[in-house]
Protein backbone atom coordinates (compact mmCIF):
# COMPACT_ATOMS: atom_id res chain seq x y z
CA MET A 1 -2.73 36.86 -14.36
CA SER A 2 -2.95 34.17 -17.00
CA PHE A 3 0.03 32.02 -17.95
CA PRO A 4 0.49 30.65 -21.48
CA ARG A 5 0.63 26.95 -22.07
CA ILE A 6 4.00 26.04 -23.52
CA PRO A 7 3.72 23.39 -26.23
CA ARG A 8 5.40 20.12 -25.34
CA ARG A 9 8.38 19.14 -27.51
CA SER A 10 7.83 16.46 -30.10
CA SER A 11 10.57 15.55 -32.60
CA ARG A 12 11.80 12.44 -34.38
CA ARG A 13 15.17 12.66 -32.61
CA SER A 14 13.69 12.91 -29.15
CA PHE A 15 11.15 10.16 -29.86
CA LEU A 16 13.86 7.75 -30.99
CA ARG A 17 16.01 8.54 -27.99
CA GLU A 18 13.16 8.08 -25.51
CA SER A 19 12.10 4.85 -27.23
CA GLY A 20 15.61 3.43 -27.47
CA GLY A 21 16.07 2.30 -23.87
CA GLY A 22 15.02 -0.94 -22.26
CA LEU A 23 11.38 0.14 -22.26
CA GLY A 24 11.12 1.47 -25.81
CA GLY A 25 8.56 -1.08 -26.92
CA ILE A 26 6.46 -0.46 -23.86
CA ALA A 27 6.59 3.30 -24.35
CA LEU A 28 5.41 2.80 -27.93
CA ALA A 29 2.65 0.46 -26.77
CA HIS A 30 1.59 3.14 -24.28
CA LEU A 31 1.36 5.74 -27.04
CA LEU A 32 -0.52 3.42 -29.37
CA GLY A 33 -2.84 2.42 -26.53
CA ARG A 34 -4.49 5.82 -26.58
CA ASP A 35 -7.28 6.92 -28.88
CA GLY A 36 -9.57 9.91 -29.20
CA SER A 37 -11.63 8.80 -26.22
CA ALA A 38 -8.51 8.40 -24.10
CA ALA A 39 -7.24 11.95 -24.40
CA ALA A 40 -7.05 12.29 -20.60
CA GLY A 41 -4.51 9.46 -20.46
CA GLU A 42 -6.69 6.39 -19.97
CA LEU A 43 -4.64 3.26 -20.56
CA LYS A 44 -6.39 0.60 -22.60
CA GLY A 45 -5.71 -2.74 -20.92
CA GLY A 46 -2.14 -2.94 -19.73
CA LEU A 47 1.41 -3.08 -21.03
CA HIS A 48 2.73 -6.60 -20.61
CA HIS A 49 -0.68 -7.84 -19.53
CA ARG A 50 -4.04 -6.37 -18.64
CA ALA A 51 -3.71 -3.96 -15.74
CA LYS A 52 -5.98 -4.05 -12.72
CA ALA A 53 -4.74 -0.72 -11.34
CA LYS A 54 -3.87 2.67 -12.85
CA ARG A 55 -2.34 4.52 -9.93
CA VAL A 56 -0.61 4.07 -6.56
CA VAL A 57 -0.54 5.95 -3.26
CA GLN A 58 2.29 4.98 -0.92
CA LEU A 59 2.03 5.80 2.79
CA PHE A 60 5.54 5.65 4.30
CA MET A 61 6.01 5.52 8.09
CA SER A 62 9.48 6.98 8.59
CA GLY A 63 11.40 5.81 11.66
CA ALA A 64 10.15 2.20 11.76
CA ALA A 65 6.60 1.54 12.87
CA SER A 66 6.25 -1.29 15.37
CA GLN A 67 4.45 -4.33 13.99
CA VAL A 68 3.91 -5.73 17.49
CA ASP A 69 1.91 -2.61 18.43
CA THR A 70 -0.17 -2.32 15.28
CA PHE A 71 -0.85 -5.33 13.04
CA ASP A 72 1.03 -8.45 14.28
CA TYR A 73 -0.78 -9.89 17.29
CA LYS A 74 1.28 -12.24 19.49
CA PRO A 75 -0.37 -13.78 22.58
CA LEU A 76 3.04 -14.99 23.75
CA LEU A 77 4.03 -11.41 24.53
CA LEU A 78 1.11 -11.16 26.94
CA GLU A 79 2.01 -14.49 28.53
CA ARG A 80 5.74 -13.72 28.89
CA ASN A 81 5.50 -10.00 29.61
CA GLY A 82 8.40 -8.91 31.85
CA GLN A 83 10.25 -12.23 31.50
CA ARG A 84 13.61 -12.77 29.84
CA PHE A 85 13.47 -12.58 26.04
CA ASP A 86 14.94 -15.86 24.81
CA PRO A 87 13.95 -16.73 21.24
CA GLY A 88 17.03 -18.97 20.88
CA GLY A 89 20.42 -17.87 19.64
CA LYS A 90 21.99 -14.44 19.81
CA VAL A 91 19.61 -11.50 19.63
CA GLU A 92 21.02 -8.80 17.34
CA LEU A 93 19.98 -5.29 18.26
CA PHE A 94 20.85 -1.91 16.80
CA GLN A 95 21.89 0.05 19.89
CA SER A 96 21.03 -1.88 23.05
CA ASP A 97 21.07 -5.18 24.86
CA PRO A 98 17.76 -7.08 24.83
CA GLY A 99 15.50 -6.17 27.73
CA PRO A 100 12.56 -8.23 29.00
CA VAL A 101 9.65 -9.21 26.82
CA MET A 102 7.30 -6.23 26.51
CA GLN A 103 3.67 -6.68 25.62
CA SER A 104 1.93 -4.02 23.60
CA PRO A 105 0.36 -1.33 25.78
CA TRP A 106 -2.65 -1.29 23.43
CA GLU A 107 -5.54 -3.74 23.48
CA TRP A 108 -6.21 -6.06 20.57
CA LYS A 109 -9.48 -7.11 18.96
CA GLN A 110 -10.64 -9.07 15.93
CA TYR A 111 -12.29 -7.14 13.11
CA GLY A 112 -14.23 -7.74 9.92
CA GLU A 113 -15.34 -10.93 8.30
CA SER A 114 -11.70 -11.98 8.13
CA GLY A 115 -11.34 -11.79 11.93
CA LYS A 116 -7.99 -10.02 11.66
CA TRP A 117 -6.46 -9.03 14.99
CA MET A 118 -5.70 -5.32 15.17
CA SER A 119 -4.38 -3.05 17.89
CA ASP A 120 -6.44 -0.19 19.33
CA LEU A 121 -3.63 2.06 18.10
CA VAL A 122 -5.01 1.52 14.59
CA SER A 123 -8.70 1.19 15.36
CA HIS A 124 -9.82 3.20 12.34
CA LEU A 125 -7.74 1.12 9.92
CA ALA A 126 -9.19 -1.91 11.66
CA GLU A 127 -12.53 -1.02 10.08
CA CYS A 128 -10.93 -1.57 6.65
CA VAL A 129 -9.28 -4.98 7.23
CA ASP A 130 -11.50 -6.75 4.71
CA ASP A 131 -10.05 -4.46 2.01
CA MET A 132 -6.44 -5.04 3.05
CA ALA A 133 -3.82 -7.72 2.42
CA PHE A 134 -1.20 -7.98 5.19
CA PHE A 135 2.44 -9.06 4.91
CA PRO A 136 3.77 -9.77 8.44
CA SER A 137 6.91 -11.56 7.21
CA MET A 138 8.68 -8.57 5.68
CA VAL A 139 12.48 -8.57 5.98
CA ALA A 140 14.95 -5.71 5.47
CA LYS A 141 18.63 -5.94 4.61
CA SER A 142 19.69 -3.22 7.04
CA ASN A 143 18.76 -2.10 10.55
CA VAL A 144 20.00 1.45 9.87
CA HIS A 145 17.31 3.97 8.90
CA GLY A 146 19.01 5.51 5.84
CA PRO A 147 19.88 2.31 3.93
CA ALA A 148 16.64 0.59 4.96
CA THR A 149 14.56 3.56 3.81
CA PHE A 150 16.39 3.55 0.49
CA MET A 151 15.69 -0.17 0.16
CA GLN A 152 11.94 0.15 0.60
CA ASN A 153 11.81 3.01 -1.91
CA THR A 154 14.36 1.99 -4.52
CA GLY A 155 15.13 -1.70 -3.94
CA PHE A 156 18.75 -0.92 -3.00
CA VAL A 157 20.43 0.07 0.26
CA LEU A 158 22.85 2.40 -1.55
CA PRO A 159 22.04 5.84 -2.99
CA GLY A 160 21.79 6.59 -6.69
CA TYR A 161 18.96 4.26 -7.71
CA PRO A 162 15.53 5.33 -9.02
CA SER A 163 12.61 5.26 -6.64
CA MET A 164 9.53 3.15 -7.24
CA GLY A 165 7.53 6.25 -8.26
CA ALA A 166 10.19 7.18 -10.83
CA TRP A 167 10.16 3.65 -12.29
CA ILE A 168 6.38 3.77 -12.60
CA SER A 169 6.54 7.23 -14.21
CA TYR A 170 9.14 5.91 -16.69
CA GLY A 171 7.19 2.74 -17.44
CA LEU A 172 3.63 4.07 -17.65
CA GLY A 173 3.88 7.77 -18.33
CA SER A 174 1.29 10.29 -17.31
CA LEU A 175 -2.49 10.12 -17.00
CA THR A 176 -2.73 13.91 -17.25
CA ASP A 177 -0.85 16.79 -18.87
CA SER A 178 -1.70 19.32 -16.15
CA LEU A 179 -0.04 17.64 -13.12
CA PRO A 180 3.20 15.71 -12.57
CA THR A 181 3.19 11.92 -12.94
CA PHE A 182 4.86 11.42 -9.52
CA VAL A 183 4.07 13.71 -6.55
CA VAL A 184 5.58 13.61 -3.06
CA LEU A 185 3.81 15.02 0.01
CA PRO A 186 6.54 15.30 2.70
CA ASP A 187 5.91 15.56 6.42
CA ALA A 188 5.46 19.23 7.26
CA ARG A 189 8.16 18.92 9.95
CA GLY A 190 10.95 17.87 7.60
CA TYR A 191 12.36 15.01 5.55
CA ALA A 192 12.90 11.34 6.26
CA PRO A 193 16.50 9.99 6.24
CA ASN A 194 18.08 10.55 2.78
CA GLY A 195 15.71 13.46 2.13
CA PRO A 196 14.73 13.92 -1.54
CA GLY A 197 16.98 10.96 -2.44
CA ASN A 198 14.03 8.77 -1.57
CA HIS A 199 12.09 10.02 -4.58
CA SER A 200 14.97 10.54 -6.98
CA ALA A 201 14.98 9.43 -10.61
CA GLY A 202 18.51 8.05 -10.11
CA PHE A 203 19.90 7.13 -13.53
CA LEU A 204 16.51 7.30 -15.24
CA PRO A 205 15.79 10.46 -17.25
CA ALA A 206 15.56 13.24 -14.67
CA GLN A 207 11.99 14.21 -15.59
CA HIS A 208 10.76 11.10 -13.71
CA GLN A 209 11.79 12.30 -10.26
CA GLY A 210 9.08 13.15 -7.74
CA THR A 211 7.66 16.66 -7.54
CA MET A 212 7.26 17.87 -3.95
CA MET A 213 4.07 19.60 -2.94
CA ARG A 214 3.70 21.09 0.53
CA ALA A 215 0.11 20.69 1.58
CA GLY A 216 -1.32 23.66 3.45
CA ARG A 217 1.32 26.15 2.29
CA PRO A 218 0.40 29.33 0.36
CA ASN A 219 2.85 28.19 -2.32
CA PRO A 220 2.65 24.39 -2.33
CA ILE A 221 5.54 24.18 -4.83
CA HIS A 222 8.66 26.29 -4.29
CA ASP A 223 9.13 29.21 -6.71
CA LEU A 224 6.01 28.33 -8.70
CA PHE A 225 4.91 31.97 -8.79
CA PRO A 226 6.99 35.16 -9.09
CA PRO A 227 7.44 37.19 -5.90
CA GLU A 228 4.89 39.92 -5.22
CA SER A 229 7.63 42.52 -5.68
CA ALA A 230 7.99 41.52 -9.37
CA ASN A 231 5.15 43.78 -10.49
CA PHE A 232 7.06 44.68 -13.66
CA ILE A 233 6.12 41.27 -15.15
CA THR A 234 3.24 41.46 -17.61
CA ASP A 235 1.47 38.78 -19.59
CA GLU A 236 3.21 39.97 -22.75
CA SER A 237 6.70 40.07 -21.25
CA GLU A 238 6.14 36.68 -19.67
CA SER A 239 5.14 35.16 -23.01
CA GLU A 240 8.04 36.74 -24.92
CA GLY A 241 10.55 35.70 -22.26
CA LEU A 242 9.35 32.12 -22.27
CA GLU A 243 9.54 31.94 -26.06
CA LEU A 244 13.13 33.22 -26.02
CA LEU A 245 14.06 30.80 -23.23
CA GLU A 246 12.56 27.93 -25.20
CA ARG A 247 14.63 28.75 -28.30
CA LEU A 248 17.83 29.01 -26.29
CA ASN A 249 17.15 25.75 -24.48
CA ARG A 250 16.43 23.86 -27.69
CA THR A 251 19.71 25.07 -29.20
CA HIS A 252 21.62 24.12 -26.08
CA MET A 253 20.00 20.68 -25.91
CA ALA A 254 20.61 19.89 -29.59
CA GLU A 255 24.35 20.27 -28.96
CA ARG A 256 24.32 17.86 -25.99
CA GLU A 257 22.73 14.65 -27.23
CA GLY A 258 21.95 12.12 -24.52
CA ASP A 259 22.09 14.52 -21.54
CA SER A 260 18.65 14.33 -19.92
CA ARG A 261 19.19 17.08 -17.38
CA LEU A 262 18.33 20.07 -19.54
CA GLU A 263 15.51 18.14 -21.16
CA ALA A 264 14.13 17.41 -17.72
CA ARG A 265 14.43 21.06 -16.76
CA ILE A 266 12.61 22.12 -19.90
CA HIS A 267 9.93 19.58 -19.08
CA ALA A 268 9.82 20.97 -15.54
CA TYR A 269 9.39 24.55 -16.76
CA GLU A 270 6.65 23.52 -19.15
CA MET A 271 4.95 21.67 -16.32
CA ALA A 272 5.44 24.65 -14.04
CA ALA A 273 3.52 26.84 -16.46
CA ARG A 274 0.62 24.42 -16.36
CA LEU A 275 0.94 24.00 -12.59
CA GLN A 276 0.36 27.71 -12.07
CA ILE A 277 -3.23 26.91 -12.88
CA SER A 278 -3.61 23.28 -11.75
CA ALA A 279 -1.60 23.30 -8.48
CA PRO A 280 -3.64 26.00 -6.73
CA GLU A 281 -6.83 24.22 -7.76
CA VAL A 282 -5.73 20.81 -6.43
CA ALA A 283 -4.41 22.37 -3.21
CA ASP A 284 -7.63 24.31 -2.58
CA ILE A 285 -9.82 22.11 -0.40
CA SER A 286 -12.44 24.78 0.30
CA GLY A 287 -14.88 22.97 -1.95
CA GLU A 288 -14.62 19.73 0.03
CA SER A 289 -17.62 19.01 2.24
CA HIS A 290 -17.56 19.32 5.99
CA ALA A 291 -18.14 15.58 6.24
CA THR A 292 -15.12 14.83 4.07
CA LYS A 293 -12.85 17.14 6.06
CA LYS A 294 -14.05 15.52 9.28
CA LEU A 295 -13.52 12.04 7.84
CA TYR A 296 -9.83 12.88 7.28
CA GLY A 297 -9.48 14.35 10.78
CA LEU A 298 -9.06 17.98 9.78
CA ASP A 299 -11.15 18.87 12.81
CA GLU A 300 -8.49 17.66 15.29
CA PRO A 301 -4.97 19.08 15.68
CA ILE A 302 -3.32 15.64 15.99
CA THR A 303 -4.75 14.34 12.70
CA GLU A 304 -4.98 17.61 10.80
CA ASP A 305 -1.53 17.54 9.16
CA PHE A 306 -1.44 13.93 7.92
CA GLY A 307 -5.16 14.17 7.19
CA LEU A 308 -4.64 17.14 4.89
CA ARG A 309 -1.90 15.26 3.00
CA CYS A 310 -4.08 12.17 2.64
CA LEU A 311 -6.92 14.34 1.34
CA MET A 312 -4.48 16.03 -1.04
CA ALA A 313 -3.37 12.58 -2.19
CA ARG A 314 -6.94 11.68 -3.08
CA ARG A 315 -7.39 14.95 -4.97
CA LEU A 316 -4.16 14.32 -6.91
CA LEU A 317 -5.10 10.73 -7.72
CA GLU A 318 -8.56 11.61 -9.00
CA ARG A 319 -7.02 14.32 -11.23
CA GLY A 320 -4.68 11.85 -12.92
CA VAL A 321 -1.45 11.73 -10.89
CA ARG A 322 0.00 8.26 -11.33
CA PHE A 323 2.03 7.84 -8.10
CA VAL A 324 1.61 9.80 -4.84
CA GLN A 325 3.89 9.31 -1.87
CA VAL A 326 2.76 10.51 1.56
CA TRP A 327 5.27 10.64 4.41
CA SER A 328 4.59 10.29 8.13
CA GLY A 329 7.57 11.24 10.27
CA ALA A 330 10.63 13.46 9.88
CA ASP A 331 14.26 12.82 10.79
CA ASN A 332 14.77 15.96 12.87
CA GLY A 333 16.11 14.75 16.20
CA PHE A 334 14.41 15.34 19.55
CA PRO A 335 11.71 15.49 20.65
CA ARG A 336 10.69 12.57 18.46
CA ARG A 337 8.72 13.52 15.39
CA ASN A 338 8.78 10.11 13.77
CA TRP A 339 8.19 6.39 14.48
CA ASP A 340 11.67 5.70 15.93
CA SER A 341 10.48 4.86 19.45
CA HIS A 342 13.67 3.91 21.30
CA GLU A 343 12.72 5.68 24.50
CA ASP A 344 8.95 5.48 25.04
CA ILE A 345 6.70 3.44 22.77
CA ILE A 346 3.49 4.76 24.39
CA LYS A 347 4.45 8.41 23.99
CA ASP A 348 6.01 8.21 20.54
CA HIS A 349 3.85 5.60 18.84
CA GLY A 350 0.82 6.91 20.65
CA GLY A 351 1.07 10.27 18.94
CA MET A 352 2.29 9.00 15.58
CA GLY A 353 -0.31 6.24 15.47
CA LYS A 354 -3.21 8.53 16.24
CA SER A 355 -2.03 11.08 13.70
CA MET A 356 -1.84 8.43 10.96
CA ASP A 357 -4.66 5.97 11.69
CA ARG A 358 -7.79 8.02 11.05
CA PRO A 359 -6.52 9.79 7.90
CA ALA A 360 -5.15 6.57 6.35
CA ALA A 361 -8.45 4.81 6.94
CA ALA A 362 -10.28 7.86 5.54
CA LEU A 363 -8.24 7.62 2.36
CA ILE A 364 -9.29 4.01 1.81
CA LYS A 365 -12.94 4.77 2.56
CA ASP A 366 -13.01 7.92 0.45
CA LEU A 367 -11.38 6.22 -2.54
CA ALA A 368 -13.91 3.37 -2.22
CA SER A 369 -16.88 5.74 -2.03
CA ARG A 370 -15.77 7.45 -5.24
CA GLY A 371 -15.15 4.23 -7.15
CA LEU A 372 -11.39 4.89 -7.23
CA LEU A 373 -10.21 2.11 -4.88
CA GLU A 374 -10.87 -0.59 -7.45
CA ASP A 375 -8.07 0.74 -9.68
CA THR A 376 -5.90 2.50 -7.07
CA ILE A 377 -3.33 0.64 -4.96
CA VAL A 378 -2.84 1.84 -1.40
CA TYR A 379 0.61 0.69 -0.24
CA TRP A 380 1.51 1.18 3.48
CA THR A 381 5.06 0.46 4.57
CA THR A 382 7.97 1.40 6.83
CA GLU A 383 11.72 0.72 6.69
CA PHE A 384 11.75 -2.10 9.26
CA GLY A 385 9.98 -3.11 12.47
CA ARG A 386 10.66 -3.02 16.18
CA MET A 387 11.66 -5.62 18.74
CA PRO A 388 9.27 -7.58 20.97
CA CYS A 389 11.63 -6.95 23.90
CA SER A 390 12.10 -3.62 25.64
CA GLN A 391 14.88 -1.12 25.18
CA GLY A 392 15.45 0.65 28.47
CA ALA A 393 12.17 0.60 30.36
CA LYS A 394 9.60 1.66 27.75
CA GLY A 395 11.15 1.71 24.26
CA ARG A 396 11.77 -0.78 21.44
CA ASP A 397 14.92 -1.15 19.31
CA HIS A 398 15.11 -1.74 15.53
CA ASN A 399 14.04 -5.08 14.07
CA PRO A 400 14.91 -5.77 10.39
CA PHE A 401 14.06 -9.48 10.70
CA SER A 402 10.27 -9.09 10.71
CA PHE A 403 7.88 -6.24 10.10
CA THR A 404 4.50 -5.65 8.45
CA SER A 405 3.40 -3.90 5.27
CA TRP A 406 -0.01 -3.98 3.64
CA LEU A 407 -1.75 -3.32 0.34
CA ALA A 408 -5.35 -2.41 -0.42
CA GLY A 409 -7.42 -1.75 -3.57
CA GLY A 410 -6.33 -2.03 -7.23
CA GLY A 411 -6.78 -5.78 -7.71
CA VAL A 412 -5.66 -6.76 -4.21
CA LYS A 413 -7.63 -9.48 -2.47
CA GLY A 414 -8.80 -8.07 0.85
CA GLY A 415 -8.95 -9.76 4.21
CA VAL A 416 -5.94 -11.98 3.63
CA ILE A 417 -2.57 -12.49 5.33
CA TYR A 418 0.45 -13.74 3.40
CA GLY A 419 3.34 -15.09 5.44
CA SER A 420 3.86 -14.99 9.16
CA SER A 421 6.42 -14.07 11.79
CA ASP A 422 7.52 -16.36 14.58
CA GLU A 423 5.67 -16.54 17.90
CA TRP A 424 7.51 -13.44 19.16
CA SER A 425 7.23 -11.32 15.99
CA TYR A 426 11.01 -11.36 16.08
CA LYS A 427 11.84 -13.09 12.77
CA ALA A 428 9.92 -13.99 9.63
CA ALA A 429 8.84 -17.63 9.89
CA GLU A 430 6.66 -18.48 6.91
CA ASN A 431 7.14 -17.00 3.40
CA PRO A 432 9.70 -14.32 4.25
CA ILE A 433 9.43 -11.55 1.69
CA TYR A 434 11.43 -8.48 0.76
CA CYS A 435 10.49 -5.17 -0.82
CA TYR A 436 11.27 -6.79 -4.18
CA ASP A 437 8.25 -9.05 -3.86
CA LEU A 438 5.88 -6.18 -3.01
CA HIS A 439 7.37 -4.03 -5.79
CA ALA A 440 6.92 -6.92 -8.25
CA THR A 441 3.32 -7.36 -7.11
CA VAL A 442 2.47 -3.67 -7.42
CA LEU A 443 4.02 -3.52 -10.90
CA HIS A 444 2.10 -6.64 -11.90
CA LEU A 445 -1.17 -5.01 -10.85
CA LEU A 446 -0.23 -2.00 -12.98
CA GLY A 447 0.21 -4.26 -16.02
CA ILE A 448 4.01 -4.47 -15.89
CA ASP A 449 6.25 -7.55 -15.73
CA HIS A 450 8.91 -6.44 -13.26
CA LYS A 451 11.58 -8.46 -15.09
CA ARG A 452 10.95 -6.54 -18.30
CA LEU A 453 10.88 -3.04 -16.82
CA THR A 454 14.56 -2.27 -17.46
CA TYR A 455 16.91 0.58 -18.18
CA ARG A 456 20.43 0.18 -19.55
CA HIS A 457 22.91 1.84 -17.17
CA ASN A 458 26.67 1.33 -17.06
CA GLY A 459 26.38 -1.80 -19.16
CA ILE A 460 23.69 -3.40 -16.95
CA ASP A 461 19.96 -3.75 -17.58
CA ARG A 462 18.80 -2.31 -14.28
CA ARG A 463 15.36 -2.83 -12.81
CA LEU A 464 13.43 -1.87 -9.67
CA THR A 465 13.59 -5.42 -8.33
CA ASP A 466 17.31 -5.89 -9.18
CA VAL A 467 17.70 -9.70 -9.73
CA HIS A 468 15.03 -10.61 -7.19
CA GLY A 469 11.29 -10.46 -6.71
CA ASN A 470 8.27 -12.69 -7.11
CA VAL A 471 4.68 -11.62 -7.68
CA ILE A 472 2.65 -12.64 -4.62
CA ARG A 473 -0.23 -14.17 -6.52
CA GLU A 474 -1.99 -15.33 -3.35
CA VAL A 475 -3.14 -11.76 -2.70
CA LEU A 476 -4.37 -11.01 -6.25
CA SER A 477 -8.15 -10.83 -6.67
């Protein structure tokens, strides 16, 4: 069955409304930045300045990945293993009293020309260290999963604010007409804390929210196709019904100036018609080589799920999706299916680490081999870190005072470390940074001045970085 392409709306009224917000001039610059040779959405240069990157893939480790077991090597933990944890002052924990110092159960080695220390838990990512910039002095404003997850995604600990992907969709627009600008690949086992709120458009026009695709499902997007029982639908009736729906929607929208919800729904239906062709194609990995599937770990049960989503992310990026978010971990109770290793760091992080490491490294390598890494930012993060002392006998409690994120590709200088934690990896010691600084840096690489990416809401010029944020120029190539 073929599905008609619904023409996208274009009117003077809608153009003025879309251009009238805090980013009107940028939106116009985006439109004028295209020419006949840029029909697929190629941006010419940048917006506020020349862009080094066109697209972003965010890998989010839900539940709080432990920096002391992955990227932040601390010899003192080996030296003081089993001794009293005494960093000076009161130790603030989420749900326990501090136990003894606990060394990482994984071995550490130096990798690459940079000599970066990496845990055996992330031995595949260790092969990519010279492409990565590490930030071991990250700080969160909450040690509770929900608010901290919101903060890393939206810049705020409260709900109702647009996610980073929505801001980038609003600021840069699409690189393709056949796929959404912002796509979310959730963990197959469920959502992270806050669920779809993590990829909401907040107060931005609703069309900028993330579109969820479920990798490996027969229908990767809910309700994209009619049920098999609807055999009464024909090409002709489908076309006539859509034309009638379009007329009714336009009339309804004209009477409700300034309400973006119906406009977003119209946009969604128009996109859905195009997705009926493009979504099955992007989700069909049968044409990928055996070597590629093996690279992503599709040949092993433990890496197959996250590997499929990382492979899907690459396919989406190369087809023009601007921002892809890939989740590792779901907030679905016990047994643990996320990075929240209160009880047993070896069991929980062991499984989560192995499931993530090989596919994440494959994504970097695959993007590089295809020439896409040079203008694609890979952004790995989590909501906060974990403590260098034990919780119970084998677990680690929450640590918002120091954790690690990293960037790769898209104008990022590889093989560098910006900032540092203290000798325990308990608190940020040198150049403490917040999500605002990483968000500002990513936007800068995309050609956007984070202070000028604004949207007027309730009398305030809102932005992703709120009133904070500094571009970390030390990691720019």
